[in-house]
Every structure is written in structure tokens, then in C-alpha cells.
Amino acid sequence: MKTLRAIVLFAAVTTVAVAAPQDKPLIASFPEVNDLPVRPEMPDVMTMADGTKVTTVEQWRQRREEMKEILEHYELGHAPPPPGNVSGEDIQSHPVLGGAAQFRLVHLKFGPGEKLGFDIAIFTPNGDGPFPTIINPSFFMTPGVNFTNNSAAPVENSVNVVITNGRPRFNFTAPVDPERAARGFTNQLNRGYAIVTYRYTQCGEDNPHFRTNSFYPAYPGYDWGVLLGWAWGLSRVVDYLETQPSADKSKLIALGHSRLGKLTMVATAFDERISLGAPAGSSGAGTGAYRFCGPGRGGKEGIEDMTRKFGYYFVPRLAEFTSQMQKLPFDAHWFIALTAPRPWISIEGTDDQNCVPNAVKQSVLAAQPVYQFLGVSTNRVGVNYEVHRHMLTAGDWNVALDFADQQLRGIDHHRSFDQFPPEQTTTNSIAPR
């Protein structure tokens, strides 16, 4: 049996750096899960796979590549290289909010023959750009898609809420009025931010059959789970924004909630063009360390729950850790560490039924040494708790904007982003999502 060091070094030399989009990737050999060493502690981000301590920036760059390869093999799978040909076609363009902002519906095209793509909605404030730009994947339809404004939208569709048994339920498949969507982003636009939003399932259906649709059939042979596919899709938005004079390329922010928090976490770690990552309520397989979630380890969403209910997010071998968690060669803090030295914040709810505060805390603490090593303040790693359950609130958005103002724009709101709620006894109950 090869040592983990030898195998990881083998991966570094044999994994192709660039391949034609239709080619299969060369997947390196790693130890089987059963053959991994027991590692109860959080795997150190500053120690190479061969046990060497990282002492130089060049070593850290090598360590980053090791970490990404391990994450790809044991959790995420492998994505194709960037297509290199992303372009956009304007479908709609008109003022919103009484002329205070501009809306564009753009169809992105890319991939073999430019036959792949999806729709994004762009809202920009009036005034001189470029603007710091938030990429916000959404559960709702992309604003403007299948929506006609020749007449007023019915009330029930204009708010995208239906009432079932006396309880409000979101209607995620209803067309979204761009004007209504713009009103929801008024705070962001007033504070000088542009917003790009799109329905995430355009980048892969949220079910085990995702490989039959979207861009997956064009890339046979890649073993990516849909979580990495969603993140890959977000990077195609970044590709397009790099061509747009309205977007400040030094201030691109990825923000998503729940499973979309997971995707923004992965995208930010793997795409260094994203200036700031802001996963919100990302729950299991999000910012909370696996070692501190699940039955007997803190409760709520553990690796057992995620691989049982959402196994298609990952490669199948992740499920092999459910009975041998202490062999996990990585943990969630690696995604934060891969983001360094860029700013990153976890946005949470004190009463979130899916998230374990201590798991988030352990991830934050274990990633901070990389920021210190790279000579930047650990204040670049933020966390904030608002009083609510599993949701993304206006207060959460304010926190994200304040943090982005502080980290990217030099605007000091005289607040800290390092407070955790008091320790709480958790359960393994998980609310349906």
C-alpha cells in the first residue's frame, strides 16, 4: 500500500491541468476509506500530506492543491476545466424601481458549440460603476424568465407564495416579476451593490437524475456530484462578469443560503476570482465541521444525514465515512482555509434547526492559522448570528453588506463579526427543507 504522501504526490503529477471539455479527467489513486489512518482531530491545514509543516508561501500553494485534490476525491468529485468561451445575450433590459436601477435578463452561452448555458438576472444601481457585485443563486425562478409585464401579475404569483392548509408556502416555480425582485434588493442597490441572481437548478436538477440534464451530458466521464456542478456554474457567472464594465472584478461576492450556502462555500474555495464568500445557514456539508455534527457529535445534520438524503451532492465514497468518521482526511475548515487570504463570513441563525454553532466555531478556529500565516488579520474570517431559524433575513443581508463594506470597500461600521451564541444542547432533529 502506498503512503498517503506518495499517493497525493502522484495525484499532483498525473492529474491533467487542462483537457478538452469532452475528455475524461485522469483521476489519481488515493487510499480506500478503510485504509485511511484514524484522525480524530481536525486535519491541520498547515501540514503537508507527508507531515512537512508549511513555512513558505510556495509550500502553501502546494498544500492548497493537495487539499483540493483530497476534497475532490473523497467528497466533491472532479469538474471539467473552464469552457473558456462564456458569452452573454441580452434577452430583456429595462429600468426598475422608478428608474433608480437597471434590470437585464442575460442568457449565458458556453461549452462545446456554445450549446450550453443558463439565464441570469442582473440588477445594477444607477450611477457610475463599476459596482461591487453580489452573485446570489436562488431557489426562485430567474427574474424575467417566462414573465410578461403586459398586464399586472396576479397577486398570488407576484409574491410567489401559496397558502396550503392555512400556512404560507413559497412557490419556487412561478415566474418572478423583475420589478418585484428589484424591490427585494432595494437595500443592496441603495448601498451601491449590483446583484446577479439565477435559479440554481439550471446548473443541475436537485435530484439523483441531475446527470441527464443541464451541462452534464456534454462532459461524460467526470465524477462530479451536483454540489460541485452548481459551484462550477457559479464560476461561469464570474467568467461573464469579467467581461462586464459594470462589475468591479476586485469586489465579487458569492452569497447563498442553505444548500446554496454550500455551493457558495465550494465555489469560493475553488475559484480565487471570488473576492468574498458568504455562505448562510449552510448546515450539514456546509461550514460546520463534520466532526462536530450528527449523532453523538453535536446532533443535527451530520455526514450520515447528508449522504443518506442528498447522496447525489457528492461522490459515493463520502458515505463510507458514516461508520468511521475519525478517518475523514479533511473537514469543513478546509474550504475556509482555501479561501484565504480573501475575506469569508458564515451567516447563521441562533435557532437554526439544521446548524450546530459549535461545529461552525470549530471550522472558523481551525482555518484561522492560514490567515495568520499569510499576514492578514483573522478578522477576515467572520461569523454572525441573528435571532431566527433556518432562513435568510433582511438582518442577515445587512450583516453581509456591512462585512463586505468593511473588508472590500474600507467602510467601517464599527461592528465585529466574531460572536457565537452560548453553547446549547442540540438534537438530531432536522427540519424538512
Protein backbone atom coordinates (compact mmCIF):
# COMPACT_ATOMS: atom_id res chain seq x y z
CA MET A 1 0.00 0.00 0.00
CA LYS A 2 1.40 3.38 -0.95
CA THR A 3 1.65 6.01 1.75
CA LEU A 4 -0.79 8.93 1.64
CA ARG A 5 2.19 11.19 0.88
CA ALA A 6 3.20 9.16 -2.16
CA ILE A 7 -0.34 8.94 -3.42
CA VAL A 8 -1.00 12.66 -3.08
CA LEU A 9 2.28 13.48 -4.84
CA PHE A 10 1.29 11.02 -7.57
CA ALA A 11 -2.00 12.88 -7.91
CA ALA A 12 -0.18 16.18 -8.34
CA VAL A 13 1.80 14.89 -11.28
CA THR A 14 -0.79 12.81 -13.05
CA THR A 15 -3.93 14.91 -12.84
CA VAL A 16 -4.29 16.84 -16.09
CA ALA A 17 -4.16 20.61 -15.74
CA VAL A 18 -6.03 21.31 -18.98
CA ALA A 19 -8.12 18.95 -21.04
CA ALA A 20 -10.60 19.21 -23.85
CA PRO A 21 -14.08 19.62 -22.30
CA GLN A 22 -15.25 16.27 -23.64
CA ASP A 23 -12.20 14.36 -22.39
CA LYS A 24 -12.26 12.25 -19.28
CA PRO A 25 -10.10 13.54 -16.40
CA LEU A 26 -7.17 11.47 -15.23
CA ILE A 27 -8.22 10.52 -11.71
CA ALA A 28 -5.33 9.79 -9.36
CA SER A 29 -5.29 6.85 -6.98
CA PHE A 30 -5.99 7.51 -3.30
CA PRO A 31 -6.32 5.10 -0.36
CA GLU A 32 -9.63 3.38 0.13
CA VAL A 33 -11.59 4.81 3.04
CA ASN A 34 -11.00 1.65 5.09
CA ASP A 35 -7.24 2.09 4.65
CA LEU A 36 -7.06 5.69 5.86
CA PRO A 37 -5.46 6.35 9.26
CA VAL A 38 -7.61 7.28 12.25
CA ARG A 39 -7.54 11.04 12.70
CA PRO A 40 -9.89 12.23 15.47
CA GLU A 41 -8.50 15.77 15.42
CA MET A 42 -9.30 18.37 12.74
CA PRO A 43 -6.82 17.76 9.89
CA ASP A 44 -4.24 20.54 10.06
CA VAL A 45 -4.37 22.91 7.10
CA MET A 46 -0.74 23.90 7.67
CA THR A 47 0.74 20.39 7.47
CA MET A 48 1.50 18.81 4.12
CA ALA A 49 0.30 15.29 3.40
CA ASP A 50 3.81 13.98 4.07
CA GLY A 51 3.91 15.61 7.51
CA THR A 52 6.02 18.63 6.49
CA LYS A 53 4.97 21.88 8.14
CA VAL A 54 4.12 24.72 5.76
CA THR A 55 6.66 27.51 6.25
CA THR A 56 6.69 29.30 2.88
CA VAL A 57 4.04 30.76 0.58
CA GLU A 58 5.14 28.35 -2.16
CA GLN A 59 4.55 25.43 0.19
CA TRP A 60 1.13 26.83 0.97
CA ARG A 61 0.28 26.93 -2.74
CA GLN A 62 1.31 23.27 -2.96
CA ARG A 63 -0.73 22.48 0.13
CA ARG A 64 -3.78 24.16 -1.44
CA GLU A 65 -3.51 21.83 -4.42
CA GLU A 66 -3.20 18.80 -2.14
CA MET A 67 -6.27 19.87 -0.21
CA LYS A 68 -8.35 20.42 -3.32
CA GLU A 69 -7.38 17.01 -4.70
CA ILE A 70 -8.36 15.30 -1.45
CA LEU A 71 -11.71 17.14 -1.36
CA GLU A 72 -12.37 16.18 -4.97
CA HIS A 73 -11.59 12.53 -4.38
CA TYR A 74 -13.43 11.94 -1.11
CA GLU A 75 -16.31 14.43 -1.26
CA LEU A 76 -16.96 16.52 -4.37
CA GLY A 77 -15.79 14.70 -7.47
CA HIS A 78 -13.98 16.26 -10.41
CA ALA A 79 -15.29 19.02 -12.66
CA PRO A 80 -14.24 19.76 -16.23
CA PRO A 81 -11.94 22.72 -16.84
CA PRO A 82 -13.49 26.14 -17.53
CA PRO A 83 -15.00 26.16 -21.03
CA GLY A 84 -13.17 29.37 -21.93
CA ASN A 85 -15.92 30.66 -24.21
CA VAL A 86 -18.61 32.16 -21.95
CA SER A 87 -20.63 34.90 -23.60
CA GLY A 88 -23.98 36.51 -22.90
CA GLU A 89 -27.00 37.52 -24.95
CA ASP A 90 -29.36 40.17 -23.58
CA ILE A 91 -32.97 38.94 -23.59
CA GLN A 92 -34.54 41.85 -21.70
CA SER A 93 -33.30 45.20 -20.46
CA HIS A 94 -35.30 47.96 -18.80
CA PRO A 95 -35.33 50.30 -15.79
CA VAL A 96 -36.82 49.21 -12.46
CA LEU A 97 -37.63 50.95 -9.19
CA GLY A 98 -38.84 54.04 -10.99
CA GLY A 99 -35.58 54.38 -12.87
CA ALA A 100 -33.36 54.01 -9.78
CA ALA A 101 -31.87 50.76 -11.10
CA GLN A 102 -31.47 48.81 -14.31
CA PHE A 103 -32.55 45.22 -14.99
CA ARG A 104 -31.07 42.87 -17.56
CA LEU A 105 -32.02 39.27 -18.31
CA VAL A 106 -28.99 37.62 -19.93
CA HIS A 107 -28.66 34.16 -21.42
CA LEU A 108 -25.17 32.79 -20.88
CA LYS A 109 -23.73 30.54 -23.58
CA PHE A 110 -20.66 28.34 -23.31
CA GLY A 111 -19.20 24.90 -23.82
CA PRO A 112 -18.97 22.73 -26.92
CA GLY A 113 -20.55 24.62 -29.80
CA GLU A 114 -21.81 27.22 -27.28
CA LYS A 115 -24.81 24.95 -26.84
CA LEU A 116 -24.80 25.03 -23.04
CA GLY A 117 -25.95 27.85 -20.81
CA PHE A 118 -28.45 29.33 -18.41
CA ASP A 119 -30.25 32.60 -17.65
CA ILE A 120 -29.10 35.19 -15.12
CA ALA A 121 -30.75 38.40 -13.96
CA ILE A 122 -28.56 41.45 -13.35
CA PHE A 123 -29.67 44.45 -11.28
CA THR A 124 -27.38 47.48 -11.24
CA PRO A 125 -27.88 50.76 -9.36
CA ASN A 126 -27.82 54.00 -11.29
CA GLY A 127 -24.62 55.96 -11.13
CA ASP A 128 -21.04 55.48 -12.11
CA GLY A 129 -19.72 51.96 -11.98
CA PRO A 130 -18.06 49.63 -11.68
CA PHE A 131 -20.08 48.27 -8.77
CA PRO A 132 -19.23 45.63 -6.19
CA THR A 133 -21.34 42.71 -7.37
CA ILE A 134 -23.10 40.01 -5.39
CA ILE A 135 -23.72 36.65 -7.06
CA ASN A 136 -26.79 35.23 -5.35
CA PRO A 137 -28.02 31.82 -6.59
CA SER A 138 -31.69 31.48 -5.77
CA PHE A 139 -34.39 28.91 -5.11
CA PHE A 140 -36.78 31.07 -7.15
CA MET A 141 -37.06 31.36 -10.91
CA THR A 142 -34.63 33.76 -12.56
CA PRO A 143 -36.43 37.14 -12.65
CA GLY A 144 -37.87 37.86 -16.06
CA VAL A 145 -37.93 34.25 -17.31
CA ASN A 146 -41.42 33.39 -18.62
CA PHE A 147 -42.71 36.64 -17.13
CA THR A 148 -44.65 39.09 -19.26
CA ASN A 149 -45.49 42.53 -17.91
CA ASN A 150 -48.17 43.44 -20.41
CA SER A 151 -50.60 43.33 -17.51
CA ALA A 152 -50.34 43.30 -13.75
CA ALA A 153 -49.29 39.96 -12.35
CA PRO A 154 -51.87 38.10 -10.24
CA VAL A 155 -51.37 38.79 -6.56
CA GLU A 156 -50.66 35.17 -5.69
CA ASN A 157 -47.90 34.97 -8.29
CA SER A 158 -46.47 38.41 -7.70
CA VAL A 159 -45.42 37.42 -4.20
CA ASN A 160 -44.55 33.80 -5.11
CA VAL A 161 -46.38 32.47 -2.08
CA VAL A 162 -49.22 29.97 -1.94
CA ILE A 163 -51.35 29.16 1.08
CA THR A 164 -51.61 25.46 1.98
CA ASN A 165 -53.70 24.37 4.97
CA GLY A 166 -53.57 27.91 6.26
CA ARG A 167 -49.77 28.08 6.08
CA PRO A 168 -47.74 30.10 3.55
CA ARG A 169 -45.59 28.07 1.17
CA PHE A 170 -43.14 29.51 -1.32
CA ASN A 171 -43.94 28.84 -4.95
CA PHE A 172 -40.48 28.30 -6.38
CA THR A 173 -41.67 27.57 -9.91
CA ALA A 174 -43.73 30.71 -10.51
CA PRO A 175 -42.31 33.36 -12.86
CA VAL A 176 -40.72 36.26 -10.99
CA ASP A 177 -41.51 39.86 -11.86
CA PRO A 178 -38.21 41.78 -12.26
CA GLU A 179 -39.77 44.81 -10.58
CA ARG A 180 -40.76 42.73 -7.56
CA ALA A 181 -37.31 41.16 -7.42
CA ALA A 182 -35.71 44.60 -7.57
CA ARG A 183 -37.82 45.73 -4.62
CA GLY A 184 -36.43 42.78 -2.68
CA PHE A 185 -32.91 44.01 -3.46
CA THR A 186 -33.59 47.69 -2.70
CA ASN A 187 -31.26 47.77 0.30
CA GLN A 188 -28.39 46.22 -1.64
CA LEU A 189 -28.88 48.53 -4.62
CA ASN A 190 -29.19 51.63 -2.41
CA ARG A 191 -25.88 50.74 -0.79
CA GLY A 192 -24.15 50.64 -4.15
CA TYR A 193 -24.10 46.91 -4.84
CA ALA A 194 -25.12 45.20 -8.08
CA ILE A 195 -26.88 41.84 -7.84
CA VAL A 196 -26.72 38.83 -10.13
CA THR A 197 -29.29 36.14 -9.36
CA TYR A 198 -30.44 32.96 -11.07
CA ARG A 199 -32.30 29.74 -10.32
CA TYR A 200 -29.66 27.26 -9.23
CA THR A 201 -31.30 24.17 -10.75
CA GLN A 202 -30.40 25.47 -14.20
CA CYS A 203 -26.93 24.20 -13.27
CA GLY A 204 -28.21 20.75 -12.34
CA GLU A 205 -31.54 19.42 -11.14
CA ASP A 206 -31.71 18.92 -7.39
CA ASN A 207 -32.26 15.17 -7.56
CA PRO A 208 -30.30 11.97 -8.30
CA HIS A 209 -31.01 12.30 -12.05
CA PHE A 210 -29.05 15.55 -12.48
CA ARG A 211 -26.58 13.91 -14.87
CA THR A 212 -29.28 13.61 -17.54
CA ASN A 213 -29.78 17.38 -17.90
CA SER A 214 -28.13 20.80 -17.86
CA PHE A 215 -24.48 20.69 -18.95
CA TYR A 216 -23.58 17.27 -17.52
CA PRO A 217 -24.23 15.20 -20.69
CA ALA A 218 -21.67 17.37 -22.51
CA TYR A 219 -18.93 16.28 -20.09
CA PRO A 220 -19.07 12.49 -19.86
CA GLY A 221 -16.61 10.73 -17.61
CA TYR A 222 -16.44 13.37 -14.89
CA ASP A 223 -17.47 12.05 -11.48
CA TRP A 224 -18.67 15.36 -10.03
CA GLY A 225 -21.60 15.45 -7.65
CA VAL A 226 -24.19 18.11 -8.27
CA LEU A 227 -22.81 20.32 -5.47
CA LEU A 228 -19.58 20.82 -7.40
CA GLY A 229 -21.63 21.23 -10.57
CA TRP A 230 -23.59 24.07 -9.00
CA ALA A 231 -20.32 25.70 -7.93
CA TRP A 232 -18.91 25.22 -11.44
CA GLY A 233 -21.99 27.02 -12.77
CA LEU A 234 -21.43 29.95 -10.43
CA SER A 235 -17.91 30.26 -11.81
CA ARG A 236 -19.39 30.65 -15.29
CA VAL A 237 -21.22 33.71 -13.95
CA VAL A 238 -17.83 35.01 -12.82
CA ASP A 239 -16.49 34.36 -16.33
CA TYR A 240 -19.21 36.59 -17.74
CA LEU A 241 -18.83 39.33 -15.13
CA GLU A 242 -15.16 39.60 -16.01
CA THR A 243 -16.29 40.92 -19.41
CA GLN A 244 -18.73 43.47 -17.97
CA PRO A 245 -17.61 47.07 -17.26
CA SER A 246 -20.41 47.45 -14.68
CA ALA A 247 -18.85 44.82 -12.37
CA ASP A 248 -15.92 45.58 -10.11
CA LYS A 249 -13.80 42.48 -10.59
CA SER A 250 -11.98 43.11 -7.30
CA LYS A 251 -15.26 43.02 -5.38
CA LEU A 252 -17.18 39.91 -6.43
CA ILE A 253 -19.19 38.39 -3.59
CA ALA A 254 -20.86 34.96 -3.52
CA LEU A 255 -23.82 34.63 -1.14
CA GLY A 256 -26.33 31.80 -0.89
CA HIS A 257 -28.48 30.19 1.77
CA SER A 258 -28.88 26.57 2.92
CA ARG A 259 -27.80 24.21 0.10
CA LEU A 260 -26.96 27.34 -1.86
CA GLY A 261 -24.70 28.29 1.04
CA LYS A 262 -22.88 25.01 0.48
CA LEU A 263 -22.44 25.81 -3.19
CA THR A 264 -21.12 29.32 -2.50
CA MET A 265 -18.71 27.86 0.05
CA VAL A 266 -17.34 25.40 -2.53
CA ALA A 267 -17.26 27.96 -5.34
CA THR A 268 -15.37 30.50 -3.23
CA ALA A 269 -12.78 27.93 -2.15
CA PHE A 270 -12.11 26.70 -5.69
CA ASP A 271 -12.42 29.99 -7.62
CA GLU A 272 -9.94 32.60 -6.44
CA ARG A 273 -11.61 35.32 -8.51
CA ILE A 274 -14.43 35.45 -5.95
CA SER A 275 -13.40 38.24 -3.59
CA LEU A 276 -15.59 37.31 -0.62
CA GLY A 277 -17.58 34.21 0.31
CA ALA A 278 -20.73 34.47 2.43
CA PRO A 279 -22.41 31.09 2.96
CA ALA A 280 -25.57 31.47 5.04
CA GLY A 281 -27.22 28.69 7.06
CA SER A 282 -25.21 26.16 5.09
CA SER A 283 -25.89 23.33 7.59
CA GLY A 284 -24.52 19.83 7.02
CA ALA A 285 -21.76 19.68 4.38
CA GLY A 286 -21.51 23.42 4.89
CA THR A 287 -19.37 25.47 7.23
CA GLY A 288 -19.98 23.28 10.28
CA ALA A 289 -17.26 20.65 10.71
CA TYR A 290 -18.44 17.09 10.10
CA ARG A 291 -16.60 16.01 13.25
CA PHE A 292 -18.95 18.13 15.37
CA CYS A 293 -22.28 17.34 13.66
CA GLY A 294 -24.55 14.32 13.61
CA PRO A 295 -25.50 11.59 16.10
CA GLY A 296 -23.29 11.69 19.18
CA ARG A 297 -21.15 14.52 17.81
CA GLY A 298 -23.39 17.56 18.29
CA GLY A 299 -26.59 16.49 16.60
CA LYS A 300 -28.50 17.91 13.67
CA GLU A 301 -27.15 17.39 10.12
CA GLY A 302 -24.19 15.03 10.13
CA ILE A 303 -22.46 13.17 7.36
CA GLU A 304 -24.97 10.33 7.90
CA ASP A 305 -27.93 12.60 7.14
CA MET A 306 -26.32 14.27 4.16
CA THR A 307 -25.20 11.11 2.38
CA ARG A 308 -28.50 9.35 3.11
CA LYS A 309 -30.78 12.13 1.91
CA PHE A 310 -28.56 14.01 -0.52
CA GLY A 311 -26.01 11.47 -1.65
CA TYR A 312 -26.09 12.83 -5.21
CA TYR A 313 -24.42 16.03 -3.97
CA PHE A 314 -21.19 14.08 -3.53
CA VAL A 315 -19.14 11.17 -4.79
CA PRO A 316 -20.44 7.85 -3.39
CA ARG A 317 -17.34 7.19 -1.28
CA LEU A 318 -18.23 10.01 1.12
CA ALA A 319 -20.93 7.73 2.55
CA GLU A 320 -18.23 5.24 3.58
CA PHE A 321 -17.22 7.61 6.37
CA THR A 322 -20.56 7.33 8.16
CA SER A 323 -19.31 4.50 10.36
CA GLN A 324 -15.70 5.67 10.55
CA MET A 325 -15.80 9.43 10.89
CA GLN A 326 -12.39 9.60 12.52
CA LYS A 327 -10.79 8.57 9.23
CA LEU A 328 -12.08 11.62 7.39
CA PRO A 329 -8.91 13.18 5.89
CA PHE A 330 -10.45 16.68 5.67
CA ASP A 331 -13.18 18.76 7.23
CA ALA A 332 -15.19 21.90 6.53
CA HIS A 333 -12.46 24.26 7.72
CA TRP A 334 -10.52 23.36 4.58
CA PHE A 335 -12.96 25.39 2.48
CA ILE A 336 -12.36 28.45 4.62
CA ALA A 337 -8.60 27.90 4.52
CA LEU A 338 -8.70 27.57 0.72
CA THR A 339 -10.39 30.98 0.62
CA ALA A 340 -7.52 32.68 2.49
CA PRO A 341 -6.40 35.44 2.39
CA ARG A 342 -9.73 36.55 0.92
CA PRO A 343 -12.48 37.50 3.39
CA TRP A 344 -15.13 34.97 4.33
CA ILE A 345 -18.15 35.09 6.64
CA SER A 346 -20.60 32.49 7.89
CA ILE A 347 -24.09 33.95 8.37
CA GLU A 348 -26.18 31.96 10.83
CA GLY A 349 -29.38 31.89 12.88
CA THR A 350 -29.31 31.31 16.63
CA ASP A 351 -32.25 28.89 16.37
CA ASP A 352 -31.41 27.25 13.06
CA GLN A 353 -32.77 23.73 13.32
CA ASN A 354 -30.12 22.41 10.91
CA CYS A 355 -26.91 24.05 12.12
CA VAL A 356 -24.63 23.34 15.09
CA PRO A 357 -22.94 26.53 16.37
CA ASN A 358 -20.02 24.64 17.85
CA ALA A 359 -19.36 22.92 14.52
CA VAL A 360 -19.19 26.31 12.80
CA LYS A 361 -16.94 27.62 15.58
CA GLN A 362 -14.53 24.71 15.24
CA SER A 363 -14.27 25.31 11.48
CA VAL A 364 -13.57 29.01 11.94
CA LEU A 365 -10.92 28.44 14.60
CA ALA A 366 -9.17 25.69 12.62
CA ALA A 367 -8.92 27.86 9.48
CA GLN A 368 -7.54 30.99 11.16
CA PRO A 369 -3.88 29.85 11.17
CA VAL A 370 -3.73 30.20 7.38
CA TYR A 371 -4.82 33.84 7.58
CA GLN A 372 -2.22 34.48 10.25
CA PHE A 373 0.46 32.76 8.17
CA LEU A 374 -0.42 34.85 5.11
CA GLY A 375 -0.05 38.02 7.15
CA VAL A 376 -3.64 39.19 7.22
CA SER A 377 -5.94 39.71 10.17
CA THR A 378 -8.07 36.83 11.37
CA ASN A 379 -10.88 39.41 11.27
CA ARG A 380 -11.15 38.43 7.63
CA VAL A 381 -12.83 35.26 8.88
CA GLY A 382 -16.20 36.39 10.17
CA VAL A 383 -19.30 34.88 11.68
CA ASN A 384 -22.60 36.42 12.68
CA TYR A 385 -25.71 35.08 14.40
CA GLU A 386 -29.13 36.70 14.09
CA VAL A 387 -32.12 35.51 16.11
CA HIS A 388 -34.07 33.28 13.73
CA ARG A 389 -34.48 29.73 12.48
CA HIS A 390 -33.38 28.31 9.11
CA MET A 391 -33.89 31.31 6.85
CA LEU A 392 -32.13 34.26 5.22
CA THR A 393 -33.43 37.53 6.65
CA ALA A 394 -33.06 41.23 5.91
CA GLY A 395 -30.88 41.40 9.00
CA ASP A 396 -28.59 38.72 7.53
CA TRP A 397 -28.27 40.75 4.35
CA ASN A 398 -27.34 43.83 6.35
CA VAL A 399 -24.62 41.85 8.09
CA ALA A 400 -23.23 40.60 4.78
CA LEU A 401 -23.20 44.12 3.34
CA ASP A 402 -21.57 45.57 6.45
CA PHE A 403 -18.88 42.89 6.34
CA ALA A 404 -18.30 43.45 2.60
CA ASP A 405 -18.15 47.20 3.17
CA GLN A 406 -15.52 46.68 5.84
CA GLN A 407 -13.42 44.11 4.01
CA LEU A 408 -13.66 45.28 0.41
CA ARG A 409 -14.59 48.97 0.47
CA GLY A 410 -12.87 50.37 3.53
CA ILE A 411 -16.15 51.42 5.13
CA ASP A 412 -16.07 50.86 8.89
CA HIS A 413 -19.43 50.18 10.51
CA HIS A 414 -17.78 49.80 13.93
CA ARG A 415 -19.02 46.28 14.49
CA SER A 416 -17.31 42.96 14.99
CA PHE A 417 -18.06 39.67 13.29
CA ASP A 418 -16.77 37.14 15.80
CA GLN A 419 -19.60 36.43 18.21
CA PHE A 420 -21.03 32.94 18.76
CA PRO A 421 -24.21 32.19 20.71
CA PRO A 422 -23.97 30.49 24.11
CA GLU A 423 -23.42 26.76 24.00
CA GLN A 424 -26.68 24.91 23.51
CA THR A 425 -27.74 21.30 23.82
CA THR A 426 -28.63 20.12 20.33
CA THR A 427 -30.69 17.25 19.00
CA ASN A 428 -30.55 15.22 15.84
CA SER A 429 -33.90 16.54 14.64
CA ILE A 430 -33.76 18.10 11.22
CA ALA A 431 -36.47 20.25 9.74
CA PRO A 432 -37.54 19.37 6.21
CA ARG A 433 -36.17 21.67 3.56
